[in-house]
């Protein structure tokens, strides 16, 4: 089993960068590739793009990073959801590398 994983989905790329920066400053974590997801009702949203920021590290560091990221993202456009996986399995580790930013 691997390191802890913290995933926080936010509205928009700007909020993702702000969240990532805050999380990295708050704890000793690394960041996986951002991922994007277009919601089913994009026309009804102020920011029609959801971006996932994925932190890696110890459980304590990941919890601190996600908390700081949530506070920061809420000052920009908001948080969709967040989750922490205390010890990622091998299959989950592989999925963390996937991202939709390189797809058209």
PDB file of N, CA and C in Angstrom:
ATOM      1  N   UNK A   1       0.833  -1.188   0.000  1.00  0.00           N
ATOM      2  CA  UNK A   1       0.000   0.000   0.000  1.00  0.00           C
ATOM      3  C   UNK A   1       0.874   1.247   0.000  1.00  0.00           C
ATOM      4  N   UNK A   2       0.327   2.314  -0.575  1.00  0.00           N
ATOM      5  CA  UNK A   2       1.113   3.521  -0.771  1.00  0.00           C
ATOM      6  C   UNK A   2       0.805   4.624   0.215  1.00  0.00           C
ATOM      7  N   UNK A   3       1.235   5.805  -0.153  1.00  0.00           N
ATOM      8  CA  UNK A   3       1.023   7.005   0.660  1.00  0.00           C
ATOM      9  C   UNK A   3      -0.455   7.380   0.694  1.00  0.00           C
ATOM     10  N   UNK A   4      -0.764   8.308   1.585  1.00  0.00           N
ATOM     11  CA  UNK A   4      -2.115   8.860   1.630  1.00  0.00           C
ATOM     12  C   UNK A   4      -2.357   9.724   0.407  1.00  0.00           C
ATOM     13  N   UNK A   5      -3.627   9.824   0.054  1.00  0.00           N
ATOM     14  CA  UNK A   5      -4.047  10.645  -1.080  1.00  0.00           C
ATOM     15  C   UNK A   5      -5.167  11.560  -0.603  1.00  0.00           C
ATOM     16  N   UNK A   6      -5.063  12.825  -0.916  1.00  0.00           N
ATOM     17  CA  UNK A   6      -6.142  13.762  -0.660  1.00  0.00           C
ATOM     18  C   UNK A   6      -6.594  14.341  -1.979  1.00  0.00           C
ATOM     19  N   UNK A   7      -7.882  14.269  -2.239  1.00  0.00           N
ATOM     20  CA  UNK A   7      -8.434  14.788  -3.490  1.00  0.00           C
ATOM     21  C   UNK A   7      -9.456  15.860  -3.130  1.00  0.00           C
ATOM     22  N   UNK A   8      -9.314  17.003  -3.767  1.00  0.00           N
ATOM     23  CA  UNK A   8     -10.292  18.074  -3.579  1.00  0.00           C
ATOM     24  C   UNK A   8     -10.683  18.572  -4.963  1.00  0.00           C
ATOM     25  N   UNK A   9     -11.989  18.583  -5.225  1.00  0.00           N
ATOM     26  CA  UNK A   9     -12.497  19.083  -6.493  1.00  0.00           C
ATOM     27  C   UNK A   9     -13.018  20.498  -6.283  1.00  0.00           C
ATOM     28  N   UNK A  10     -12.590  21.388  -7.171  1.00  0.00           N
ATOM     29  CA  UNK A  10     -12.958  22.798  -7.066  1.00  0.00           C
ATOM     30  C   UNK A  10     -13.524  23.288  -8.393  1.00  0.00           C
ATOM     31  N   UNK A  11     -14.203  24.419  -8.345  1.00  0.00           N
ATOM     32  CA  UNK A  11     -14.751  25.028  -9.559  1.00  0.00           C
ATOM     33  C   UNK A  11     -13.694  25.903 -10.217  1.00  0.00           C
ATOM     34  N   UNK A  12     -13.185  25.467 -11.364  1.00  0.00           N
ATOM     35  CA  UNK A  12     -12.309  26.294 -12.176  1.00  0.00           C
ATOM     36  C   UNK A  12     -10.825  26.082 -11.944  1.00  0.00           C
ATOM     37  N   UNK A  13     -10.060  26.396 -12.968  1.00  0.00           N
ATOM     38  CA  UNK A  13      -8.614  26.209 -12.934  1.00  0.00           C
ATOM     39  C   UNK A  13      -7.926  27.197 -11.995  1.00  0.00           C
ATOM     40  N   UNK A  14      -8.413  28.424 -11.948  1.00  0.00           N
ATOM     41  CA  UNK A  14      -7.804  29.406 -11.036  1.00  0.00           C
ATOM     42  C   UNK A  14      -7.930  28.938  -9.590  1.00  0.00           C
ATOM     43  N   UNK A  15      -9.108  28.457  -9.213  1.00  0.00           N
ATOM     44  CA  UNK A  15      -9.301  27.943  -7.852  1.00  0.00           C
ATOM     45  C   UNK A  15      -8.411  26.736  -7.591  1.00  0.00           C
ATOM     46  N   UNK A  16      -8.180  25.917  -8.601  1.00  0.00           N
ATOM     47  CA  UNK A  16      -7.305  24.752  -8.447  1.00  0.00           C
ATOM     48  C   UNK A  16      -5.872  25.180  -8.141  1.00  0.00           C
ATOM     49  N   UNK A  17      -5.379  26.189  -8.838  1.00  0.00           N
ATOM     50  CA  UNK A  17      -4.021  26.672  -8.571  1.00  0.00           C
ATOM     51  C   UNK A  17      -3.918  27.302  -7.186  1.00  0.00           C
ATOM     52  N   UNK A  18      -4.936  28.058  -6.786  1.00  0.00           N
ATOM     53  CA  UNK A  18      -4.943  28.674  -5.463  1.00  0.00           C
ATOM     54  C   UNK A  18      -4.984  27.588  -4.388  1.00  0.00           C
ATOM     55  N   UNK A  19      -5.826  26.580  -4.579  1.00  0.00           N
ATOM     56  CA  UNK A  19      -5.937  25.476  -3.631  1.00  0.00           C
ATOM     57  C   UNK A  19      -4.635  24.692  -3.542  1.00  0.00           C
ATOM     58  N   UNK A  20      -4.043  24.413  -4.681  1.00  0.00           N
ATOM     59  CA  UNK A  20      -2.781  23.669  -4.732  1.00  0.00           C
ATOM     60  C   UNK A  20      -1.678  24.419  -3.996  1.00  0.00           C
ATOM     61  N   UNK A  21      -1.582  25.688  -4.251  1.00  0.00           N
ATOM     62  CA  UNK A  21      -0.565  26.514  -3.607  1.00  0.00           C
ATOM     63  C   UNK A  21      -0.738  26.519  -2.087  1.00  0.00           C
ATOM     64  N   UNK A  22      -1.965  26.702  -1.645  1.00  0.00           N
ATOM     65  CA  UNK A  22      -2.237  26.733  -0.206  1.00  0.00           C
ATOM     66  C   UNK A  22      -1.932  25.385   0.446  1.00  0.00           C
ATOM     67  N   UNK A  23      -2.328  24.304  -0.220  1.00  0.00           N
ATOM     68  CA  UNK A  23      -2.077  22.975   0.326  1.00  0.00           C
ATOM     69  C   UNK A  23      -0.598  22.658   0.435  1.00  0.00           C
ATOM     70  N   UNK A  24       0.154  23.043  -0.578  1.00  0.00           N
ATOM     71  CA  UNK A  24       1.601  22.785  -0.564  1.00  0.00           C
ATOM     72  C   UNK A  24       2.325  23.638   0.474  1.00  0.00           C
ATOM     73  N   UNK A  25       1.826  24.827   0.725  1.00  0.00           N
ATOM     74  CA  UNK A  25       2.428  25.689   1.745  1.00  0.00           C
ATOM     75  C   UNK A  25       2.084  25.228   3.159  1.00  0.00           C
ATOM     76  N   UNK A  26       0.948  24.550   3.308  1.00  0.00           N
ATOM     77  CA  UNK A  26       0.478  24.149   4.635  1.00  0.00           C
ATOM     78  C   UNK A  26       1.080  22.837   5.124  1.00  0.00           C
ATOM     79  N   UNK A  27       1.590  22.012   4.211  1.00  0.00           N
ATOM     80  CA  UNK A  27       2.032  20.675   4.618  1.00  0.00           C
ATOM     81  C   UNK A  27       3.099  20.146   3.662  1.00  0.00           C
ATOM     82  N   UNK A  28       3.765  19.109   4.112  1.00  0.00           N
ATOM     83  CA  UNK A  28       4.804  18.457   3.321  1.00  0.00           C
ATOM     84  C   UNK A  28       4.155  17.420   2.401  1.00  0.00           C
ATOM     85  N   UNK A  29       3.651  17.895   1.262  1.00  0.00           N
ATOM     86  CA  UNK A  29       2.957  17.031   0.306  1.00  0.00           C
ATOM     87  C   UNK A  29       3.531  17.227  -1.094  1.00  0.00           C
ATOM     88  N   UNK A  30       3.238  16.261  -1.946  1.00  0.00           N
ATOM     89  CA  UNK A  30       3.506  16.403  -3.369  1.00  0.00           C
ATOM     90  C   UNK A  30       2.153  16.434  -4.073  1.00  0.00           C
ATOM     91  N   UNK A  31       2.164  16.845  -5.332  1.00  0.00           N
ATOM     92  CA  UNK A  31       0.923  16.985  -6.085  1.00  0.00           C
ATOM     93  C   UNK A  31       0.988  16.122  -7.334  1.00  0.00           C
ATOM     94  N   UNK A  32      -0.079  15.383  -7.577  1.00  0.00           N
ATOM     95  CA  UNK A  32      -0.236  14.638  -8.828  1.00  0.00           C
ATOM     96  C   UNK A  32      -0.792  15.603  -9.880  1.00  0.00           C
ATOM     97  N   UNK A  33      -0.898  15.135 -11.124  1.00  0.00           N
ATOM     98  CA  UNK A  33      -1.490  15.954 -12.183  1.00  0.00           C
ATOM     99  C   UNK A  33      -2.906  16.376 -11.812  1.00  0.00           C
ATOM    100  N   UNK A  34      -3.250  17.614 -12.142  1.00  0.00           N
ATOM    101  CA  UNK A  34      -4.644  18.042 -11.998  1.00  0.00           C
ATOM    102  C   UNK A  34      -5.481  17.204 -12.960  1.00  0.00           C
ATOM    103  N   UNK A  35      -6.757  17.097 -12.674  1.00  0.00           N
ATOM    104  CA  UNK A  35      -7.680  16.429 -13.582  1.00  0.00           C
ATOM    105  C   UNK A  35      -8.901  17.317 -13.736  1.00  0.00           C
ATOM    106  N   UNK A  36      -9.586  17.198 -14.856  1.00  0.00           N
ATOM    107  CA  UNK A  36     -10.766  18.036 -15.070  1.00  0.00           C
ATOM    108  C   UNK A  36     -11.987  17.176 -15.334  1.00  0.00           C
ATOM    109  N   UNK A  37     -13.130  17.760 -15.044  1.00  0.00           N
ATOM    110  CA  UNK A  37     -14.392  17.085 -15.249  1.00  0.00           C
ATOM    111  C   UNK A  37     -15.432  18.151 -15.588  1.00  0.00           C
ATOM    112  N   UNK A  38     -16.097  17.976 -16.688  1.00  0.00           N
ATOM    113  CA  UNK A  38     -17.155  18.917 -17.064  1.00  0.00           C
ATOM    114  C   UNK A  38     -18.457  18.422 -16.444  1.00  0.00           C
ATOM    115  N   UNK A  39     -19.075  19.230 -15.609  1.00  0.00           N
ATOM    116  CA  UNK A  39     -20.325  18.792 -14.962  1.00  0.00           C
ATOM    117  C   UNK A  39     -21.467  18.655 -15.963  1.00  0.00           C
ATOM    118  N   UNK A  40     -22.494  17.931 -15.558  1.00  0.00           N
ATOM    119  CA  UNK A  40     -23.636  17.679 -16.435  1.00  0.00           C
ATOM    120  C   UNK A  40     -24.468  18.915 -16.720  1.00  0.00           C
ATOM    121  N   UNK A  41     -24.378  19.920 -15.861  1.00  0.00           N
ATOM    122  CA  UNK A  41     -25.179  21.137 -16.040  1.00  0.00           C
ATOM    123  C   UNK A  41     -24.280  22.370 -16.177  1.00  0.00           C
ATOM    124  N   UNK A  42     -23.339  22.382 -17.123  1.00  0.00           N
ATOM    125  CA  UNK A  42     -22.379  23.489 -17.170  1.00  0.00           C
ATOM    126  C   UNK A  42     -23.001  24.860 -17.400  1.00  0.00           C
ATOM    127  N   UNK A  43     -24.100  24.909 -18.113  1.00  0.00           N
ATOM    128  CA  UNK A  43     -24.715  26.211 -18.395  1.00  0.00           C
ATOM    129  C   UNK A  43     -25.315  26.847 -17.139  1.00  0.00           C
ATOM    130  N   UNK A  44     -25.614  26.039 -16.152  1.00  0.00           N
ATOM    131  CA  UNK A  44     -26.200  26.556 -14.927  1.00  0.00           C
ATOM    132  C   UNK A  44     -25.177  26.969 -13.886  1.00  0.00           C
ATOM    133  N   UNK A  45     -23.890  26.834 -14.214  1.00  0.00           N
ATOM    134  CA  UNK A  45     -22.842  27.146 -13.247  1.00  0.00           C
ATOM    135  C   UNK A  45     -22.069  28.395 -13.654  1.00  0.00           C
ATOM    136  N   UNK A  46     -21.631  29.133 -12.657  1.00  0.00           N
ATOM    137  CA  UNK A  46     -20.816  30.323 -12.925  1.00  0.00           C
ATOM    138  C   UNK A  46     -19.469  29.919 -13.528  1.00  0.00           C
ATOM    139  N   UNK A  47     -18.899  28.809 -13.033  1.00  0.00           N
ATOM    140  CA  UNK A  47     -17.632  28.274 -13.544  1.00  0.00           C
ATOM    141  C   UNK A  47     -17.905  26.857 -14.028  1.00  0.00           C
ATOM    142  N   UNK A  48     -17.987  26.634 -15.352  1.00  0.00           N
ATOM    143  CA  UNK A  48     -18.418  25.332 -15.879  1.00  0.00           C
ATOM    144  C   UNK A  48     -17.309  24.276 -16.002  1.00  0.00           C
ATOM    145  N   UNK A  49     -16.380  24.263 -15.073  1.00  0.00           N
ATOM    146  CA  UNK A  49     -15.310  23.265 -15.102  1.00  0.00           C
ATOM    147  C   UNK A  49     -14.966  22.881 -13.677  1.00  0.00           C
ATOM    148  N   UNK A  50     -14.885  21.592 -13.425  1.00  0.00           N
ATOM    149  CA  UNK A  50     -14.468  21.085 -12.122  1.00  0.00           C
ATOM    150  C   UNK A  50     -13.051  20.545 -12.269  1.00  0.00           C
ATOM    151  N   UNK A  51     -12.163  20.943 -11.373  1.00  0.00           N
ATOM    152  CA  UNK A  51     -10.768  20.494 -11.419  1.00  0.00           C
ATOM    153  C   UNK A  51     -10.443  19.784 -10.112  1.00  0.00           C
ATOM    154  N   UNK A  52      -9.814  18.610 -10.226  1.00  0.00           N
ATOM    155  CA  UNK A  52      -9.391  17.844  -9.056  1.00  0.00           C
ATOM    156  C   UNK A  52      -7.915  18.103  -8.794  1.00  0.00           C
ATOM    157  N   UNK A  53      -7.615  18.445  -7.548  1.00  0.00           N
ATOM    158  CA  UNK A  53      -6.234  18.604  -7.089  1.00  0.00           C
ATOM    159  C   UNK A  53      -5.952  17.396  -6.199  1.00  0.00           C
ATOM    160  N   UNK A  54      -4.834  16.702  -6.465  1.00  0.00           N
ATOM    161  CA  UNK A  54      -4.525  15.460  -5.747  1.00  0.00           C
ATOM    162  C   UNK A  54      -3.212  15.609  -4.990  1.00  0.00           C
ATOM    163  N   UNK A  55      -3.294  15.553  -3.666  1.00  0.00           N
ATOM    164  CA  UNK A  55      -2.119  15.660  -2.802  1.00  0.00           C
ATOM    165  C   UNK A  55      -1.661  14.278  -2.360  1.00  0.00           C
ATOM    166  N   UNK A  56      -0.347  14.111  -2.170  1.00  0.00           N
ATOM    167  CA  UNK A  56       0.228  12.855  -1.675  1.00  0.00           C
ATOM    168  C   UNK A  56       1.133  13.150  -0.497  1.00  0.00           C
ATOM    169  N   UNK A  57       1.139  12.260   0.490  1.00  0.00           N
ATOM    170  CA  UNK A  57       2.007  12.405   1.649  1.00  0.00           C
ATOM    171  C   UNK A  57       1.494  11.575   2.808  1.00  0.00           C
ATOM    172  N   UNK A  58       1.938  11.903   4.010  1.00  0.00           N
ATOM    173  CA  UNK A  58       1.435  11.209   5.197  1.00  0.00           C
ATOM    174  C   UNK A  58      -0.015  11.620   5.435  1.00  0.00           C
ATOM    175  N   UNK A  59      -0.735  10.834   6.215  1.00  0.00           N
ATOM    176  CA  UNK A  59      -2.137  11.156   6.496  1.00  0.00           C
ATOM    177  C   UNK A  59      -2.256  12.548   7.105  1.00  0.00           C
ATOM    178  N   UNK A  60      -1.422  12.843   8.065  1.00  0.00           N
ATOM    179  CA  UNK A  60      -1.473  14.147   8.738  1.00  0.00           C
ATOM    180  C   UNK A  60      -1.205  15.290   7.765  1.00  0.00           C
ATOM    181  N   UNK A  61      -0.190  15.126   6.925  1.00  0.00           N
ATOM    182  CA  UNK A  61       0.130  16.180   5.959  1.00  0.00           C
ATOM    183  C   UNK A  61      -0.969  16.339   4.923  1.00  0.00           C
ATOM    184  N   UNK A  62      -1.511  15.234   4.446  1.00  0.00           N
ATOM    185  CA  UNK A  62      -2.575  15.301   3.445  1.00  0.00           C
ATOM    186  C   UNK A  62      -3.825  15.960   4.038  1.00  0.00           C
ATOM    187  N   UNK A  63      -4.159  15.631   5.272  1.00  0.00           N
ATOM    188  CA  UNK A  63      -5.307  16.268   5.918  1.00  0.00           C
ATOM    189  C   UNK A  63      -5.101  17.779   6.027  1.00  0.00           C
ATOM    190  N   UNK A  64      -3.910  18.194   6.412  1.00  0.00           N
ATOM    191  CA  UNK A  64      -3.618  19.628   6.528  1.00  0.00           C
ATOM    192  C   UNK A  64      -3.668  20.308   5.160  1.00  0.00           C
ATOM    193  N   UNK A  65      -3.141  19.648   4.146  1.00  0.00           N
ATOM    194  CA  UNK A  65      -3.139  20.215   2.789  1.00  0.00           C
ATOM    195  C   UNK A  65      -4.558  20.383   2.256  1.00  0.00           C
ATOM    196  N   UNK A  66      -5.383  19.366   2.430  1.00  0.00           N
ATOM    197  CA  UNK A  66      -6.763  19.438   1.932  1.00  0.00           C
ATOM    198  C   UNK A  66      -7.544  20.523   2.671  1.00  0.00           C
ATOM    199  N   UNK A  67      -7.341  20.639   3.967  1.00  0.00           N
ATOM    200  CA  UNK A  67      -8.022  21.681   4.749  1.00  0.00           C
ATOM    201  C   UNK A  67      -7.623  23.081   4.262  1.00  0.00           C
ATOM    202  N   UNK A  68      -6.328  23.298   4.063  1.00  0.00           N
ATOM    203  CA  UNK A  68      -5.854  24.597   3.579  1.00  0.00           C
ATOM    204  C   UNK A  68      -6.355  24.855   2.158  1.00  0.00           C
ATOM    205  N   UNK A  69      -6.358  23.815   1.328  1.00  0.00           N
ATOM    206  CA  UNK A  69      -6.831  23.947  -0.048  1.00  0.00           C
ATOM    207  C   UNK A  69      -8.312  24.315  -0.075  1.00  0.00           C
ATOM    208  N   UNK A  70      -9.095  23.697   0.803  1.00  0.00           N
ATOM    209  CA  UNK A  70     -10.528  23.991   0.867  1.00  0.00           C
ATOM    210  C   UNK A  70     -10.768  25.450   1.249  1.00  0.00           C
ATOM    211  N   UNK A  71     -10.086  25.918   2.259  1.00  0.00           N
ATOM    212  CA  UNK A  71     -10.246  27.313   2.678  1.00  0.00           C
ATOM    213  C   UNK A  71      -9.866  28.267   1.555  1.00  0.00           C
ATOM    214  N   UNK A  72      -8.777  27.981   0.872  1.00  0.00           N
ATOM    215  CA  UNK A  72      -8.322  28.855  -0.212  1.00  0.00           C
ATOM    216  C   UNK A  72      -9.282  28.831  -1.398  1.00  0.00           C
ATOM    217  N   UNK A  73      -9.730  27.658  -1.796  1.00  0.00           N
ATOM    218  CA  UNK A  73     -10.637  27.546  -2.953  1.00  0.00           C
ATOM    219  C   UNK A  73     -11.964  28.237  -2.681  1.00  0.00           C
ATOM    220  N   UNK A  74     -12.399  28.202  -1.443  1.00  0.00           N
ATOM    221  CA  UNK A  74     -13.661  28.866  -1.108  1.00  0.00           C
ATOM    222  C   UNK A  74     -13.578  30.382  -1.232  1.00  0.00           C
ATOM    223  N   UNK A  75     -12.374  30.943  -1.270  1.00  0.00           N
ATOM    224  CA  UNK A  75     -12.233  32.384  -1.490  1.00  0.00           C
ATOM    225  C   UNK A  75     -12.295  32.738  -2.971  1.00  0.00           C
ATOM    226  N   UNK A  76     -12.188  31.727  -3.836  1.00  0.00           N
ATOM    227  CA  UNK A  76     -12.197  31.972  -5.278  1.00  0.00           C
ATOM    228  C   UNK A  76     -13.551  31.605  -5.883  1.00  0.00           C
ATOM    229  N   UNK A  77     -13.866  30.321  -5.930  1.00  0.00           N
ATOM    230  CA  UNK A  77     -15.118  29.918  -6.568  1.00  0.00           C
ATOM    231  C   UNK A  77     -15.817  28.763  -5.870  1.00  0.00           C
ATOM    232  N   UNK A  78     -15.152  28.091  -4.960  1.00  0.00           N
ATOM    233  CA  UNK A  78     -15.820  27.057  -4.182  1.00  0.00           C
ATOM    234  C   UNK A  78     -15.309  25.643  -4.403  1.00  0.00           C
ATOM    235  N   UNK A  79     -15.742  24.774  -3.501  1.00  0.00           N
ATOM    236  CA  UNK A  79     -15.337  23.375  -3.474  1.00  0.00           C
ATOM    237  C   UNK A  79     -16.535  22.499  -3.817  1.00  0.00           C
ATOM    238  N   UNK A  80     -16.310  21.520  -4.667  1.00  0.00           N
ATOM    239  CA  UNK A  80     -17.353  20.561  -5.020  1.00  0.00           C
ATOM    240  C   UNK A  80     -17.385  19.456  -3.969  1.00  0.00           C
ATOM    241  N   UNK A  81     -16.241  18.826  -3.728  1.00  0.00           N
ATOM    242  CA  UNK A  81     -16.132  17.774  -2.720  1.00  0.00           C
ATOM    243  C   UNK A  81     -14.670  17.533  -2.397  1.00  0.00           C
ATOM    244  N   UNK A  82     -14.437  16.738  -1.345  1.00  0.00           N
ATOM    245  CA  UNK A  82     -13.072  16.401  -0.950  1.00  0.00           C
ATOM    246  C   UNK A  82     -13.097  15.021  -0.314  1.00  0.00           C
ATOM    247  N   UNK A  83     -11.961  14.324  -0.391  1.00  0.00           N
ATOM    248  CA  UNK A  83     -11.872  12.997   0.208  1.00  0.00           C
ATOM    249  C   UNK A  83     -10.409  12.648   0.454  1.00  0.00           C
ATOM    250  N   UNK A  84     -10.177  11.887   1.521  1.00  0.00           N
ATOM    251  CA  UNK A  84      -8.824  11.432   1.845  1.00  0.00           C
ATOM    252  C   UNK A  84      -8.814   9.909   1.875  1.00  0.00           C
ATOM    253  N   UNK A  85      -7.844   9.324   1.191  1.00  0.00           N
ATOM    254  CA  UNK A  85      -7.615   7.883   1.206  1.00  0.00           C
ATOM    255  C   UNK A  85      -6.352   7.667   2.037  1.00  0.00           C
ATOM    256  N   UNK A  86      -6.469   7.080   3.226  1.00  0.00           N
ATOM    257  CA  UNK A  86      -5.308   6.947   4.117  1.00  0.00           C
ATOM    258  C   UNK A  86      -4.138   6.148   3.538  1.00  0.00           C
ATOM    259  N   UNK A  87      -4.424   5.122   2.771  1.00  0.00           N
ATOM    260  CA  UNK A  87      -3.354   4.301   2.200  1.00  0.00           C
ATOM    261  C   UNK A  87      -3.841   3.719   0.882  1.00  0.00           C
ATOM    262  N   UNK A  88      -3.409   4.308  -0.212  1.00  0.00           N
ATOM    263  CA  UNK A  88      -3.910   3.931  -1.533  1.00  0.00           C
ATOM    264  C   UNK A  88      -3.390   2.558  -1.977  1.00  0.00           C
ATOM    265  N   UNK A  89      -4.271   1.759  -2.557  1.00  0.00           N
ATOM    266  CA  UNK A  89      -3.918   0.460  -3.125  1.00  0.00           C
ATOM    267  C   UNK A  89      -3.214   0.664  -4.469  1.00  0.00           C
ATOM    268  N   UNK A  90      -2.586  -0.371  -4.971  1.00  0.00           N
ATOM    269  CA  UNK A  90      -1.821  -0.291  -6.224  1.00  0.00           C
ATOM    270  C   UNK A  90      -2.683   0.181  -7.394  1.00  0.00           C
ATOM    271  N   UNK A  91      -3.902  -0.335  -7.508  1.00  0.00           N
ATOM    272  CA  UNK A  91      -4.781   0.079  -8.597  1.00  0.00           C
ATOM    273  C   UNK A  91      -5.144   1.551  -8.520  1.00  0.00           C
ATOM    274  N   UNK A  92      -5.336   2.025  -7.301  1.00  0.00           N
ATOM    275  CA  UNK A  92      -5.638   3.446  -7.105  1.00  0.00           C
ATOM    276  C   UNK A  92      -4.430   4.296  -7.471  1.00  0.00           C
ATOM    277  N   UNK A  93      -3.254   3.816  -7.109  1.00  0.00           N
ATOM    278  CA  UNK A  93      -2.014   4.529  -7.449  1.00  0.00           C
ATOM    279  C   UNK A  93      -1.940   4.781  -8.957  1.00  0.00           C
ATOM    280  N   UNK A  94      -2.263   3.771  -9.758  1.00  0.00           N
ATOM    281  CA  UNK A  94      -2.219   3.910 -11.219  1.00  0.00           C
ATOM    282  C   UNK A  94      -3.238   4.934 -11.704  1.00  0.00           C
ATOM    283  N   UNK A  95      -4.427   4.927 -11.115  1.00  0.00           N
ATOM    284  CA  UNK A  95      -5.482   5.850 -11.539  1.00  0.00           C
ATOM    285  C   UNK A  95      -5.136   7.311 -11.237  1.00  0.00           C
ATOM    286  N   UNK A  96      -4.310   7.547 -10.234  1.00  0.00           N
ATOM    287  CA  UNK A  96      -3.936   8.916  -9.878  1.00  0.00           C
ATOM    288  C   UNK A  96      -3.153   9.612 -10.978  1.00  0.00           C
ATOM    289  N   UNK A  97      -2.522   8.840 -11.830  1.00  0.00           N
ATOM    290  CA  UNK A  97      -1.712   9.408 -12.915  1.00  0.00           C
ATOM    291  C   UNK A  97      -2.569   9.885 -14.085  1.00  0.00           C
ATOM    292  N   UNK A  98      -3.807   9.413 -14.173  1.00  0.00           N
ATOM    293  CA  UNK A  98      -4.678   9.795 -15.278  1.00  0.00           C
ATOM    294  C   UNK A  98      -5.105  11.248 -15.151  1.00  0.00           C
ATOM    295  N   UNK A  99      -5.247  11.911 -16.292  1.00  0.00           N
ATOM    296  CA  UNK A  99      -5.816  13.255 -16.296  1.00  0.00           C
ATOM    297  C   UNK A  99      -6.418  13.551 -17.658  1.00  0.00           C
ATOM    298  N   UNK A 100      -7.422  14.389 -17.670  1.00  0.00           N
ATOM    299  CA  UNK A 100      -8.130  14.701 -18.904  1.00  0.00           C
ATOM    300  C   UNK A 100      -7.662  16.006 -19.538  1.00  0.00           C
ATOM    301  N   UNK A 101      -6.696  16.686 -18.968  1.00  0.00           N
ATOM    302  CA  UNK A 101      -6.223  17.939 -19.552  1.00  0.00           C
ATOM    303  C   UNK A 101      -5.491  17.729 -20.868  1.00  0.00           C
ATOM    304  N   UNK A 102      -4.943  16.540 -21.074  1.00  0.00           N
ATOM    305  CA  UNK A 102      -4.215  16.296 -22.324  1.00  0.00           C
ATOM    306  C   UNK A 102      -5.130  15.735 -23.412  1.00  0.00           C
ATOM    307  N   UNK A 103      -6.430  15.674 -23.155  1.00  0.00           N
ATOM    308  CA  UNK A 103      -7.383  15.163 -24.136  1.00  0.00           C
ATOM    309  C   UNK A 103      -8.237  16.310 -24.661  1.00  0.00           C
ATOM    310  N   UNK A 104      -8.637  16.192 -25.910  1.00  0.00           N
ATOM    311  CA  UNK A 104      -9.466  17.239 -26.523  1.00  0.00           C
ATOM    312  C   UNK A 104     -10.913  16.892 -26.453  1.00  0.00           C
TER     313      UNK A 104
END
